[in-house]
Amino acid sequence: MPKTLPASQFKERCLALLDQVDADGIIITKRAKPVAKLVAWERASGELLGSLRGKVVVKGDPADEIIAATSVVHKLPLLTRDRTIRRSKLVPLA
């Protein structure tokens, strides 16, 4: 269970708390209500790159899917050769 700490105490001991924070984190309160949570940094961003390799299957061109999603959001007609997107009933086609 995360430790709770009033904001005034957090302000006084911030640098020391950065060295002590664990995976559960520290909940910072103001007037006994939670306003923020300090958590330990778990991974370097370099570890995230490639972490889903072999776990996610991408069919087609990811850029086409981003463009299709943009056309849905902005309600713009889309011109594409991607069969999956062309079969979609959500994407407005040109």
Protein backbone atom coordinates (compact mmCIF):
# COMPACT_ATOMS: atom_id res chain seq x y z
CA MET A 1 0.00 0.00 0.00
CA PRO A 2 1.41 3.41 -0.94
CA LYS A 3 2.51 5.78 1.79
CA THR A 4 0.57 9.07 2.03
CA LEU A 5 2.17 12.39 2.77
CA PRO A 6 0.79 15.93 3.07
CA ALA A 7 1.99 18.31 0.36
CA SER A 8 3.72 20.54 2.92
CA GLN A 9 5.88 17.63 4.14
CA PHE A 10 6.53 16.53 0.57
CA LYS A 11 7.79 20.02 -0.25
CA GLU A 12 10.20 19.95 2.70
CA ARG A 13 11.57 16.44 2.01
CA CYS A 14 11.21 16.17 -1.78
CA LEU A 15 14.83 15.35 -2.65
CA ALA A 16 15.14 12.72 0.09
CA LEU A 17 11.83 11.15 -0.96
CA LEU A 18 13.05 10.80 -4.55
CA ASP A 19 15.75 8.46 -3.25
CA GLN A 20 13.33 6.50 -1.07
CA VAL A 21 10.34 6.02 -3.38
CA ASP A 22 9.50 2.39 -4.15
CA ALA A 23 7.21 0.62 -6.64
CA ASP A 24 4.11 1.37 -4.52
CA GLY A 25 4.83 5.07 -4.67
CA ILE A 26 3.89 7.93 -2.39
CA ILE A 27 0.48 9.61 -2.51
CA ILE A 28 0.68 13.34 -1.92
CA THR A 29 -2.36 14.90 -0.27
CA LYS A 30 -3.70 18.41 0.13
CA ARG A 31 -6.29 18.90 2.87
CA ALA A 32 -6.38 15.09 3.28
CA LYS A 33 -7.40 14.56 -0.38
CA PRO A 34 -5.04 12.83 -2.84
CA VAL A 35 -3.70 15.22 -5.48
CA ALA A 36 -0.66 13.41 -6.90
CA LYS A 37 1.29 10.17 -6.77
CA LEU A 38 5.06 9.90 -6.89
CA VAL A 39 6.20 6.57 -8.34
CA ALA A 40 9.59 5.11 -9.10
CA TRP A 41 10.75 5.09 -12.71
CA GLU A 42 10.60 1.46 -13.76
CA ARG A 43 12.28 1.28 -17.15
CA ALA A 44 14.63 3.19 -19.28
CA SER A 45 13.02 4.18 -22.57
CA GLY A 46 15.59 2.05 -24.41
CA GLU A 47 14.11 -1.08 -22.82
CA LEU A 48 10.67 -0.20 -24.19
CA LEU A 49 11.88 -0.14 -27.78
CA GLY A 50 11.36 -3.58 -29.21
CA SER A 51 9.71 -4.94 -26.07
CA LEU A 52 6.59 -5.94 -28.07
CA ARG A 53 8.53 -7.55 -30.92
CA GLY A 54 6.90 -10.87 -31.73
CA LYS A 55 3.86 -10.10 -29.56
CA VAL A 56 2.05 -7.69 -31.88
CA VAL A 57 1.08 -8.53 -35.43
CA VAL A 58 0.75 -5.56 -37.76
CA LYS A 59 -1.22 -6.26 -40.91
CA GLY A 60 -0.90 -3.73 -43.66
CA ASP A 61 0.77 -0.36 -43.39
CA PRO A 62 0.49 1.27 -39.95
CA ALA A 63 0.60 4.68 -41.63
CA ASP A 64 -2.59 3.80 -43.55
CA GLU A 65 -4.34 3.02 -40.27
CA ILE A 66 -3.25 6.34 -38.78
CA ILE A 67 -4.47 8.18 -41.86
CA ALA A 68 -7.77 6.26 -41.74
CA ALA A 69 -8.24 7.13 -38.07
CA THR A 70 -7.56 10.78 -38.86
CA SER A 71 -10.15 10.73 -41.63
CA VAL A 72 -12.72 9.27 -39.23
CA VAL A 73 -12.03 11.89 -36.56
CA HIS A 74 -12.12 14.82 -38.99
CA LYS A 75 -14.88 13.29 -41.15
CA LEU A 76 -12.79 13.62 -44.31
CA PRO A 77 -13.12 11.27 -47.28
CA LEU A 78 -10.21 8.89 -47.73
CA LEU A 79 -8.70 7.47 -50.90
CA THR A 80 -6.79 4.22 -50.23
CA ARG A 81 -5.88 0.89 -51.80
CA ASP A 82 -5.86 -0.94 -48.45
CA ARG A 83 -8.60 -3.59 -48.71
CA THR A 84 -9.19 -3.81 -44.98
CA ILE A 85 -9.74 -0.08 -44.68
CA ARG A 86 -11.92 -0.02 -47.80
CA ARG A 87 -14.16 -2.72 -46.25
CA SER A 88 -14.53 -0.70 -43.05
CA LYS A 89 -17.91 0.86 -42.49
CA LEU A 90 -16.43 3.51 -40.21
CA VAL A 91 -14.01 5.15 -42.64
CA PRO A 92 -15.57 7.69 -45.07
CA LEU A 93 -14.17 6.82 -48.49
CA ALA A 94 -13.70 9.20 -51.41
